[in-house]
Amino acid sequence: IKNDNSGSLSLFHSTSGQKTDFVSTVTKAIELLNFFSAERAEIRLSEFQRLTGRDKTTTYRYLSALESSGLLEQDETTRAYRMGPAVLRFSHIRELTVPRRA
């Protein structure tokens, strides 16, 4: 996941060039977003490790990609991650374009 500085997110190919590896990596990174909730608004790296069962380096790599795309941001004091501004942008687009059900 990459931010192209226009506020848009784009996907780029992995160095291995294998589409399935790339999709799997993107999926695993985005899955981290599912751990957030109203009760769990901030999550530290160590907690992500525990929740996912993945090693620290891999987890950090996914978090860094999500942070660089704006989907996550990291609190400078606590070092915990929280939802980033890109989430609001996507939410706003959905609200404008998807009709609500009665």
PDB file of N, CA and C in Angstrom:
ATOM      1  N   ILE A   1       0.867  -1.165   0.000  1.00  0.00           N
ATOM      2  CA  ILE A   1       0.000   0.000   0.000  1.00  0.00           C
ATOM      3  C   ILE A   1       0.899   1.208   0.000  1.00  0.00           C
ATOM      4  N   LYS A   2       0.595   2.149  -0.849  1.00  0.00           N
ATOM      5  CA  LYS A   2       1.479   3.307  -0.993  1.00  0.00           C
ATOM      6  C   LYS A   2       0.649   4.558  -1.185  1.00  0.00           C
ATOM      7  N   ASN A   3       1.033   5.629  -0.526  1.00  0.00           N
ATOM      8  CA  ASN A   3       0.373   6.910  -0.688  1.00  0.00           C
ATOM      9  C   ASN A   3       1.127   7.667  -1.766  1.00  0.00           C
ATOM     10  N   ASP A   4       0.429   8.109  -2.813  1.00  0.00           N
ATOM     11  CA  ASP A   4       1.113   8.792  -3.918  1.00  0.00           C
ATOM     12  C   ASP A   4       1.140  10.303  -3.746  1.00  0.00           C
ATOM     13  N   ASN A   5       0.947  10.770  -2.504  1.00  0.00           N
ATOM     14  CA  ASN A   5       0.977  12.192  -2.141  1.00  0.00           C
ATOM     15  C   ASN A   5      -0.191  12.994  -2.699  1.00  0.00           C
ATOM     16  N   SER A   6      -1.125  12.371  -3.378  1.00  0.00           N
ATOM     17  CA  SER A   6      -2.301  13.080  -3.866  1.00  0.00           C
ATOM     18  C   SER A   6      -3.494  12.793  -2.958  1.00  0.00           C
ATOM     19  N   GLY A   7      -3.239  12.031  -1.908  1.00  0.00           N
ATOM     20  CA  GLY A   7      -4.322  11.639  -1.022  1.00  0.00           C
ATOM     21  C   GLY A   7      -4.929  10.316  -1.436  1.00  0.00           C
ATOM     22  N   SER A   8      -4.446   9.752  -2.557  1.00  0.00           N
ATOM     23  CA  SER A   8      -4.947   8.478  -3.043  1.00  0.00           C
ATOM     24  C   SER A   8      -4.014   7.362  -2.619  1.00  0.00           C
ATOM     25  N   LEU A   9      -4.593   6.194  -2.439  1.00  0.00           N
ATOM     26  CA  LEU A   9      -3.799   5.035  -2.096  1.00  0.00           C
ATOM     27  C   LEU A   9      -3.639   4.177  -3.338  1.00  0.00           C
ATOM     28  N   SER A  10      -2.466   3.610  -3.495  1.00  0.00           N
ATOM     29  CA  SER A  10      -2.244   2.722  -4.628  1.00  0.00           C
ATOM     30  C   SER A  10      -1.515   1.481  -4.148  1.00  0.00           C
ATOM     31  N   LEU A  11      -1.669   0.405  -4.884  1.00  0.00           N
ATOM     32  CA  LEU A  11      -0.999  -0.839  -4.578  1.00  0.00           C
ATOM     33  C   LEU A  11       0.171  -0.992  -5.528  1.00  0.00           C
ATOM     34  N   PHE A  12       1.265  -1.551  -5.043  1.00  0.00           N
ATOM     35  CA  PHE A  12       2.416  -1.762  -5.908  1.00  0.00           C
ATOM     36  C   PHE A  12       2.821  -3.218  -5.827  1.00  0.00           C
ATOM     37  N   HIS A  13       3.499  -3.698  -6.851  1.00  0.00           N
ATOM     38  CA  HIS A  13       3.874  -5.104  -6.909  1.00  0.00           C
ATOM     39  C   HIS A  13       5.041  -5.402  -5.996  1.00  0.00           C
ATOM     40  N   SER A  14       5.012  -6.582  -5.410  1.00  0.00           N
ATOM     41  CA  SER A  14       6.112  -7.004  -4.557  1.00  0.00           C
ATOM     42  C   SER A  14       7.322  -7.329  -5.417  1.00  0.00           C
ATOM     43  N   THR A  15       8.488  -7.362  -4.804  1.00  0.00           N
ATOM     44  CA  THR A  15       9.703  -7.646  -5.551  1.00  0.00           C
ATOM     45  C   THR A  15       9.705  -9.065  -6.091  1.00  0.00           C
ATOM     46  N   SER A  16       8.947  -9.959  -5.474  1.00  0.00           N
ATOM     47  CA  SER A  16       8.895 -11.334  -5.968  1.00  0.00           C
ATOM     48  C   SER A  16       8.103 -11.421  -7.261  1.00  0.00           C
ATOM     49  N   GLY A  17       7.242 -10.446  -7.502  1.00  0.00           N
ATOM     50  CA  GLY A  17       6.447 -10.437  -8.720  1.00  0.00           C
ATOM     51  C   GLY A  17       5.316 -11.435  -8.710  1.00  0.00           C
ATOM     52  N   GLN A  18       5.108 -12.141  -7.636  1.00  0.00           N
ATOM     53  CA  GLN A  18       4.044 -13.132  -7.590  1.00  0.00           C
ATOM     54  C   GLN A  18       2.788 -12.490  -7.034  1.00  0.00           C
ATOM     55  N   LYS A  19       1.754 -12.491  -7.874  1.00  0.00           N
ATOM     56  CA  LYS A  19       0.507 -11.836  -7.512  1.00  0.00           C
ATOM     57  C   LYS A  19      -0.090 -12.407  -6.228  1.00  0.00           C
ATOM     58  N   THR A  20      -0.058 -13.715  -6.056  1.00  0.00           N
ATOM     59  CA  THR A  20      -0.668 -14.314  -4.867  1.00  0.00           C
ATOM     60  C   THR A  20       0.063 -13.890  -3.598  1.00  0.00           C
ATOM     61  N   ASP A  21       1.390 -13.792  -3.645  1.00  0.00           N
ATOM     62  CA  ASP A  21       2.141 -13.327  -2.482  1.00  0.00           C
ATOM     63  C   ASP A  21       1.770 -11.891  -2.149  1.00  0.00           C
ATOM     64  N   PHE A  22       1.635 -11.078  -3.188  1.00  0.00           N
ATOM     65  CA  PHE A  22       1.299  -9.671  -3.007  1.00  0.00           C
ATOM     66  C   PHE A  22      -0.082  -9.526  -2.386  1.00  0.00           C
ATOM     67  N   VAL A  23      -1.054 -10.229  -2.925  1.00  0.00           N
ATOM     68  CA  VAL A  23      -2.419 -10.144  -2.404  1.00  0.00           C
ATOM     69  C   VAL A  23      -2.451 -10.632  -0.959  1.00  0.00           C
ATOM     70  N   SER A  24      -1.731 -11.691  -0.675  1.00  0.00           N
ATOM     71  CA  SER A  24      -1.677 -12.210   0.687  1.00  0.00           C
ATOM     72  C   SER A  24      -1.076 -11.187   1.643  1.00  0.00           C
ATOM     73  N   THR A  25      -0.018 -10.525   1.225  1.00  0.00           N
ATOM     74  CA  THR A  25       0.621  -9.505   2.052  1.00  0.00           C
ATOM     75  C   THR A  25      -0.313  -8.339   2.304  1.00  0.00           C
ATOM     76  N   VAL A  26      -0.981  -7.868   1.269  1.00  0.00           N
ATOM     77  CA  VAL A  26      -1.931  -6.762   1.414  1.00  0.00           C
ATOM     78  C   VAL A  26      -3.065  -7.172   2.343  1.00  0.00           C
ATOM     79  N   THR A  27      -3.579  -8.360   2.159  1.00  0.00           N
ATOM     80  CA  THR A  27      -4.673  -8.855   3.004  1.00  0.00           C
ATOM     81  C   THR A  27      -4.249  -8.913   4.465  1.00  0.00           C
ATOM     82  N   LYS A  28      -3.062  -9.428   4.729  1.00  0.00           N
ATOM     83  CA  LYS A  28      -2.587  -9.524   6.112  1.00  0.00           C
ATOM     84  C   LYS A  28      -2.399  -8.152   6.741  1.00  0.00           C
ATOM     85  N   ALA A  29      -1.920  -7.202   5.960  1.00  0.00           N
ATOM     86  CA  ALA A  29      -1.757  -5.843   6.490  1.00  0.00           C
ATOM     87  C   ALA A  29      -3.118  -5.232   6.803  1.00  0.00           C
ATOM     88  N   ILE A  30      -4.044  -5.347   5.890  1.00  0.00           N
ATOM     89  CA  ILE A  30      -5.374  -4.752   6.087  1.00  0.00           C
ATOM     90  C   ILE A  30      -6.137  -5.455   7.211  1.00  0.00           C
ATOM     91  N   GLU A  31      -5.882  -6.736   7.418  1.00  0.00           N
ATOM     92  CA  GLU A  31      -6.534  -7.463   8.511  1.00  0.00           C
ATOM     93  C   GLU A  31      -6.235  -6.833   9.869  1.00  0.00           C
ATOM     94  N   LEU A  32      -5.094  -6.172   9.992  1.00  0.00           N
ATOM     95  CA  LEU A  32      -4.750  -5.521  11.260  1.00  0.00           C
ATOM     96  C   LEU A  32      -5.782  -4.467  11.636  1.00  0.00           C
ATOM     97  N   LEU A  33      -6.405  -3.852  10.640  1.00  0.00           N
ATOM     98  CA  LEU A  33      -7.417  -2.825  10.911  1.00  0.00           C
ATOM     99  C   LEU A  33      -8.630  -3.400  11.625  1.00  0.00           C
ATOM    100  N   ASN A  34      -8.907  -4.693  11.413  1.00  0.00           N
ATOM    101  CA  ASN A  34     -10.069  -5.323  12.042  1.00  0.00           C
ATOM    102  C   ASN A  34      -9.944  -5.466  13.551  1.00  0.00           C
ATOM    103  N   PHE A  35      -8.754  -5.287  14.088  1.00  0.00           N
ATOM    104  CA  PHE A  35      -8.575  -5.384  15.542  1.00  0.00           C
ATOM    105  C   PHE A  35      -9.019  -4.122  16.274  1.00  0.00           C
ATOM    106  N   PHE A  36      -9.224  -3.041  15.546  1.00  0.00           N
ATOM    107  CA  PHE A  36      -9.675  -1.802  16.178  1.00  0.00           C
ATOM    108  C   PHE A  36     -11.167  -1.853  16.450  1.00  0.00           C
ATOM    109  N   SER A  37     -11.564  -1.221  17.542  1.00  0.00           N
ATOM    110  CA  SER A  37     -12.975  -1.114  17.910  1.00  0.00           C
ATOM    111  C   SER A  37     -13.128   0.119  18.788  1.00  0.00           C
ATOM    112  N   ALA A  38     -14.362   0.424  19.169  1.00  0.00           N
ATOM    113  CA  ALA A  38     -14.590   1.557  20.063  1.00  0.00           C
ATOM    114  C   ALA A  38     -13.899   1.308  21.411  1.00  0.00           C
ATOM    115  N   GLU A  39     -13.843   0.044  21.826  1.00  0.00           N
ATOM    116  CA  GLU A  39     -13.209  -0.310  23.087  1.00  0.00           C
ATOM    117  C   GLU A  39     -11.689  -0.401  22.965  1.00  0.00           C
ATOM    118  N   ARG A  40     -11.198  -0.620  21.757  1.00  0.00           N
ATOM    119  CA  ARG A  40      -9.758  -0.772  21.511  1.00  0.00           C
ATOM    120  C   ARG A  40      -9.361   0.195  20.399  1.00  0.00           C
ATOM    121  N   ALA A  41      -9.307   1.478  20.732  1.00  0.00           N
ATOM    122  CA  ALA A  41      -9.032   2.522  19.738  1.00  0.00           C
ATOM    123  C   ALA A  41      -7.545   2.674  19.436  1.00  0.00           C
ATOM    124  N   GLU A  42      -6.690   2.225  20.342  1.00  0.00           N
ATOM    125  CA  GLU A  42      -5.245   2.294  20.145  1.00  0.00           C
ATOM    126  C   GLU A  42      -4.637   0.935  20.478  1.00  0.00           C
ATOM    127  N   ILE A  43      -3.675   0.520  19.648  1.00  0.00           N
ATOM    128  CA  ILE A  43      -3.044  -0.785  19.829  1.00  0.00           C
ATOM    129  C   ILE A  43      -1.531  -0.635  19.628  1.00  0.00           C
ATOM    130  N   ARG A  44      -0.777  -1.155  20.557  1.00  0.00           N
ATOM    131  CA  ARG A  44       0.689  -1.114  20.474  1.00  0.00           C
ATOM    132  C   ARG A  44       1.202  -2.297  19.648  1.00  0.00           C
ATOM    133  N   LEU A  45       2.416  -2.176  19.170  1.00  0.00           N
ATOM    134  CA  LEU A  45       3.038  -3.231  18.367  1.00  0.00           C
ATOM    135  C   LEU A  45       3.004  -4.576  19.081  1.00  0.00           C
ATOM    136  N   SER A  46       3.359  -4.594  20.356  1.00  0.00           N
ATOM    137  CA  SER A  46       3.390  -5.853  21.110  1.00  0.00           C
ATOM    138  C   SER A  46       2.008  -6.506  21.179  1.00  0.00           C
ATOM    139  N   GLU A  47       0.958  -5.680  21.275  1.00  0.00           N
ATOM    140  CA  GLU A  47      -0.393  -6.238  21.313  1.00  0.00           C
ATOM    141  C   GLU A  47      -0.780  -6.789  19.944  1.00  0.00           C
ATOM    142  N   PHE A  48      -0.406  -6.092  18.867  1.00  0.00           N
ATOM    143  CA  PHE A  48      -0.651  -6.623  17.521  1.00  0.00           C
ATOM    144  C   PHE A  48       0.048  -7.972  17.353  1.00  0.00           C
ATOM    145  N   GLN A  49       1.268  -8.069  17.852  1.00  0.00           N
ATOM    146  CA  GLN A  49       1.997  -9.334  17.784  1.00  0.00           C
ATOM    147  C   GLN A  49       1.214 -10.446  18.468  1.00  0.00           C
ATOM    148  N   ARG A  50       0.744 -10.158  19.656  1.00  0.00           N
ATOM    149  CA  ARG A  50      -0.013 -11.145  20.428  1.00  0.00           C
ATOM    150  C   ARG A  50      -1.305 -11.521  19.714  1.00  0.00           C
ATOM    151  N   LEU A  51      -2.015 -10.521  19.203  1.00  0.00           N
ATOM    152  CA  LEU A  51      -3.299 -10.763  18.538  1.00  0.00           C
ATOM    153  C   LEU A  51      -3.160 -11.570  17.251  1.00  0.00           C
ATOM    154  N   THR A  52      -2.083 -11.333  16.513  1.00  0.00           N
ATOM    155  CA  THR A  52      -1.908 -11.985  15.210  1.00  0.00           C
ATOM    156  C   THR A  52      -1.072 -13.262  15.278  1.00  0.00           C
ATOM    157  N   GLY A  53      -0.222 -13.359  16.272  1.00  0.00           N
ATOM    158  CA  GLY A  53       0.687 -14.493  16.340  1.00  0.00           C
ATOM    159  C   GLY A  53       1.853 -14.372  15.368  1.00  0.00           C
ATOM    160  N   ARG A  54       2.032 -13.190  14.787  1.00  0.00           N
ATOM    161  CA  ARG A  54       3.128 -12.957  13.845  1.00  0.00           C
ATOM    162  C   ARG A  54       4.344 -12.399  14.575  1.00  0.00           C
ATOM    163  N   ASP A  55       5.509 -12.521  13.944  1.00  0.00           N
ATOM    164  CA  ASP A  55       6.721 -11.998  14.564  1.00  0.00           C
ATOM    165  C   ASP A  55       6.743 -10.471  14.500  1.00  0.00           C
ATOM    166  N   LYS A  56       7.612  -9.887  15.327  1.00  0.00           N
ATOM    167  CA  LYS A  56       7.673  -8.433  15.477  1.00  0.00           C
ATOM    168  C   LYS A  56       8.035  -7.730  14.173  1.00  0.00           C
ATOM    169  N   THR A  57       9.010  -8.257  13.443  1.00  0.00           N
ATOM    170  CA  THR A  57       9.467  -7.624  12.213  1.00  0.00           C
ATOM    171  C   THR A  57       8.363  -7.583  11.163  1.00  0.00           C
ATOM    172  N   THR A  58       7.680  -8.687  10.969  1.00  0.00           N
ATOM    173  CA  THR A  58       6.592  -8.754   9.989  1.00  0.00           C
ATOM    174  C   THR A  58       5.450  -7.829  10.381  1.00  0.00           C
ATOM    175  N   THR A  59       5.073  -7.876  11.646  1.00  0.00           N
ATOM    176  CA  THR A  59       3.982  -7.028  12.132  1.00  0.00           C
ATOM    177  C   THR A  59       4.333  -5.559  11.951  1.00  0.00           C
ATOM    178  N   TYR A  60       5.556  -5.194  12.294  1.00  0.00           N
ATOM    179  CA  TYR A  60       6.000  -3.805  12.141  1.00  0.00           C
ATOM    180  C   TYR A  60       5.972  -3.379  10.673  1.00  0.00           C
ATOM    181  N   ARG A  61       6.375  -4.264   9.777  1.00  0.00           N
ATOM    182  CA  ARG A  61       6.376  -3.955   8.345  1.00  0.00           C
ATOM    183  C   ARG A  61       4.949  -3.653   7.863  1.00  0.00           C
ATOM    184  N   TYR A  62       3.990  -4.460   8.279  1.00  0.00           N
ATOM    185  CA  TYR A  62       2.592  -4.220   7.899  1.00  0.00           C
ATOM    186  C   TYR A  62       2.086  -2.900   8.481  1.00  0.00           C
ATOM    187  N   LEU A  63       2.394  -2.657   9.751  1.00  0.00           N
ATOM    188  CA  LEU A  63       1.959  -1.423  10.394  1.00  0.00           C
ATOM    189  C   LEU A  63       2.575  -0.203   9.715  1.00  0.00           C
ATOM    190  N   SER A  64       3.835  -0.298   9.355  1.00  0.00           N
ATOM    191  CA  SER A  64       4.512   0.808   8.670  1.00  0.00           C
ATOM    192  C   SER A  64       3.874   1.110   7.327  1.00  0.00           C
ATOM    193  N   ALA A  65       3.501   0.076   6.586  1.00  0.00           N
ATOM    194  CA  ALA A  65       2.839   0.266   5.293  1.00  0.00           C
ATOM    195  C   ALA A  65       1.484   0.947   5.480  1.00  0.00           C
ATOM    196  N   LEU A  66       0.733   0.510   6.485  1.00  0.00           N
ATOM    197  CA  LEU A  66      -0.567   1.125   6.758  1.00  0.00           C
ATOM    198  C   LEU A  66      -0.406   2.565   7.229  1.00  0.00           C
ATOM    199  N   GLU A  67       0.634   2.824   7.995  1.00  0.00           N
ATOM    200  CA  GLU A  67       0.892   4.185   8.468  1.00  0.00           C
ATOM    201  C   GLU A  67       1.299   5.096   7.310  1.00  0.00           C
ATOM    202  N   SER A  68       2.149   4.614   6.431  1.00  0.00           N
ATOM    203  CA  SER A  68       2.599   5.457   5.314  1.00  0.00           C
ATOM    204  C   SER A  68       1.469   5.760   4.340  1.00  0.00           C
ATOM    205  N   SER A  69       0.436   4.922   4.331  1.00  0.00           N
ATOM    206  CA  SER A  69      -0.717   5.163   3.459  1.00  0.00           C
ATOM    207  C   SER A  69      -1.783   6.025   4.120  1.00  0.00           C
ATOM    208  N   GLY A  70      -1.607   6.315   5.413  1.00  0.00           N
ATOM    209  CA  GLY A  70      -2.579   7.133   6.122  1.00  0.00           C
ATOM    210  C   GLY A  70      -3.696   6.343   6.772  1.00  0.00           C
ATOM    211  N   LEU A  71      -3.677   5.015   6.625  1.00  0.00           N
ATOM    212  CA  LEU A  71      -4.723   4.206   7.239  1.00  0.00           C
ATOM    213  C   LEU A  71      -4.521   4.081   8.744  1.00  0.00           C
ATOM    214  N   LEU A  72      -3.291   4.216   9.193  1.00  0.00           N
ATOM    215  CA  LEU A  72      -2.968   4.231  10.620  1.00  0.00           C
ATOM    216  C   LEU A  72      -2.082   5.427  10.908  1.00  0.00           C
ATOM    217  N   GLU A  73      -2.078   5.830  12.158  1.00  0.00           N
ATOM    218  CA  GLU A  73      -1.113   6.812  12.629  1.00  0.00           C
ATOM    219  C   GLU A  73      -0.636   6.334  13.993  1.00  0.00           C
ATOM    220  N   GLN A  74       0.564   6.783  14.374  1.00  0.00           N
ATOM    221  CA  GLN A  74       1.144   6.347  15.632  1.00  0.00           C
ATOM    222  C   GLN A  74       1.264   7.528  16.580  1.00  0.00           C
ATOM    223  N   ASP A  75       0.785   7.333  17.798  1.00  0.00           N
ATOM    224  CA  ASP A  75       0.892   8.353  18.824  1.00  0.00           C
ATOM    225  C   ASP A  75       2.358   8.521  19.193  1.00  0.00           C
ATOM    226  N   GLU A  76       2.853   9.744  19.139  1.00  0.00           N
ATOM    227  CA  GLU A  76       4.268  10.004  19.401  1.00  0.00           C
ATOM    228  C   GLU A  76       4.672   9.696  20.839  1.00  0.00           C
ATOM    229  N   THR A  77       3.745   9.826  21.763  1.00  0.00           N
ATOM    230  CA  THR A  77       4.053   9.605  23.176  1.00  0.00           C
ATOM    231  C   THR A  77       3.938   8.133  23.553  1.00  0.00           C
ATOM    232  N   THR A  78       2.791   7.520  23.259  1.00  0.00           N
ATOM    233  CA  THR A  78       2.546   6.133  23.677  1.00  0.00           C
ATOM    234  C   THR A  78       3.069   5.108  22.691  1.00  0.00           C
ATOM    235  N   ARG A  79       3.348   5.530  21.456  1.00  0.00           N
ATOM    236  CA  ARG A  79       3.793   4.661  20.360  1.00  0.00           C
ATOM    237  C   ARG A  79       2.708   3.686  19.921  1.00  0.00           C
ATOM    238  N   ALA A  80       1.477   3.854  20.426  1.00  0.00           N
ATOM    239  CA  ALA A  80       0.355   3.011  20.018  1.00  0.00           C
ATOM    240  C   ALA A  80      -0.179   3.496  18.675  1.00  0.00           C
ATOM    241  N   TYR A  81      -0.740   2.575  17.923  1.00  0.00           N
ATOM    242  CA  TYR A  81      -1.323   2.902  16.624  1.00  0.00           C
ATOM    243  C   TYR A  81      -2.821   3.130  16.777  1.00  0.00           C
ATOM    244  N   ARG A  82      -3.344   4.006  15.945  1.00  0.00           N
ATOM    245  CA  ARG A  82      -4.784   4.281  15.896  1.00  0.00           C
ATOM    246  C   ARG A  82      -5.173   4.513  14.441  1.00  0.00           C
ATOM    247  N   MET A  83      -6.462   4.507  14.174  1.00  0.00           N
ATOM    248  CA  MET A  83      -6.947   4.729  12.817  1.00  0.00           C
ATOM    249  C   MET A  83      -6.447   6.076  12.310  1.00  0.00           C
ATOM    250  N   GLY A  84      -6.046   6.111  11.052  1.00  0.00           N
ATOM    251  CA  GLY A  84      -5.522   7.331  10.461  1.00  0.00           C
ATOM    252  C   GLY A  84      -6.559   8.083   9.651  1.00  0.00           C
ATOM    253  N   PRO A  85      -6.180   9.226   9.114  1.00  0.00           N
ATOM    254  CA  PRO A  85      -7.117  10.084   8.392  1.00  0.00           C
ATOM    255  C   PRO A  85      -7.658   9.482   7.099  1.00  0.00           C
ATOM    256  N   ALA A  86      -6.952   8.553   6.486  1.00  0.00           N
ATOM    257  CA  ALA A  86      -7.445   7.946   5.246  1.00  0.00           C
ATOM    258  C   ALA A  86      -8.735   7.170   5.493  1.00  0.00           C
ATOM    259  N   VAL A  87      -8.889   6.632   6.698  1.00  0.00           N
ATOM    260  CA  VAL A  87     -10.108   5.903   7.034  1.00  0.00           C
ATOM    261  C   VAL A  87     -11.314   6.831   6.949  1.00  0.00           C
ATOM    262  N   LEU A  88     -11.155   8.062   7.431  1.00  0.00           N
ATOM    263  CA  LEU A  88     -12.247   9.039   7.358  1.00  0.00           C
ATOM    264  C   LEU A  88     -12.594   9.374   5.913  1.00  0.00           C
ATOM    265  N   ARG A  89     -11.574   9.498   5.092  1.00  0.00           N
ATOM    266  CA  ARG A  89     -11.790   9.795   3.676  1.00  0.00           C
ATOM    267  C   ARG A  89     -12.611   8.689   3.019  1.00  0.00           C
ATOM    268  N   PHE A  90     -12.240   7.439   3.277  1.00  0.00           N
ATOM    269  CA  PHE A  90     -12.980   6.314   2.705  1.00  0.00           C
ATOM    270  C   PHE A  90     -14.406   6.268   3.244  1.00  0.00           C
ATOM    271  N   SER A  91     -14.551   6.544   4.529  1.00  0.00           N
ATOM    272  CA  SER A  91     -15.877   6.554   5.142  1.00  0.00           C
ATOM    273  C   SER A  91     -16.757   7.630   4.513  1.00  0.00           C
ATOM    274  N   HIS A  92     -16.183   8.796   4.295  1.00  0.00           N
ATOM    275  CA  HIS A  92     -16.925   9.905   3.679  1.00  0.00           C
ATOM    276  C   HIS A  92     -17.367   9.540   2.255  1.00  0.00           C
ATOM    277  N   ILE A  93     -16.477   8.948   1.491  1.00  0.00           N
ATOM    278  CA  ILE A  93     -16.819   8.544   0.122  1.00  0.00           C
ATOM    279  C   ILE A  93     -17.955   7.531   0.147  1.00  0.00           C
ATOM    280  N   ARG A  94     -17.887   6.571   1.046  1.00  0.00           N
ATOM    281  CA  ARG A  94     -18.947   5.563   1.140  1.00  0.00           C
ATOM    282  C   ARG A  94     -20.286   6.213   1.493  1.00  0.00           C
ATOM    283  N   GLU A  95     -20.277   7.111   2.462  1.00  0.00           N
ATOM    284  CA  GLU A  95     -21.514   7.776   2.864  1.00  0.00           C
ATOM    285  C   GLU A  95     -22.132   8.571   1.718  1.00  0.00           C
ATOM    286  N   LEU A  96     -21.293   9.152   0.881  1.00  0.00           N
ATOM    287  CA  LEU A  96     -21.787   9.936  -0.250  1.00  0.00           C
ATOM    288  C   LEU A  96     -22.276   9.085  -1.409  1.00  0.00           C
ATOM    289  N   THR A  97     -21.758   7.879  -1.534  1.00  0.00           N
ATOM    290  CA  THR A  97     -22.030   7.096  -2.745  1.00  0.00           C
ATOM    291  C   THR A  97     -22.870   5.858  -2.554  1.00  0.00           C
ATOM    292  N   VAL A  98     -23.028   5.384  -1.342  1.00  0.00           N
ATOM    293  CA  VAL A  98     -23.801   4.167  -1.100  1.00  0.00           C
ATOM    294  C   VAL A  98     -25.098   4.542  -0.410  1.00  0.00           C
ATOM    295  N   PRO A  99     -26.213   4.240  -1.063  1.00  0.00           N
ATOM    296  CA  PRO A  99     -27.511   4.591  -0.448  1.00  0.00           C
ATOM    297  C   PRO A  99     -27.742   3.839   0.854  1.00  0.00           C
ATOM    298  N   ARG A 100     -28.342   4.518   1.796  1.00  0.00           N
ATOM    299  CA  ARG A 100     -28.688   3.889   3.066  1.00  0.00           C
ATOM    300  C   ARG A 100     -29.952   3.071   2.900  1.00  0.00           C
ATOM    301  N   ARG A 101     -29.992   1.971   3.631  1.00  0.00           N
ATOM    302  CA  ARG A 101     -31.190   1.118   3.615  1.00  0.00           C
ATOM    303  C   ARG A 101     -32.152   1.580   4.679  1.00  0.00           C
ATOM    304  N   ALA A 102     -33.412   1.538   4.348  1.00  0.00           N
ATOM    305  CA  ALA A 102     -34.437   1.985   5.298  1.00  0.00           C
ATOM    306  C   ALA A 102     -34.723   0.967   6.359  1.00  0.00           C
TER     307      ALA A 102
END
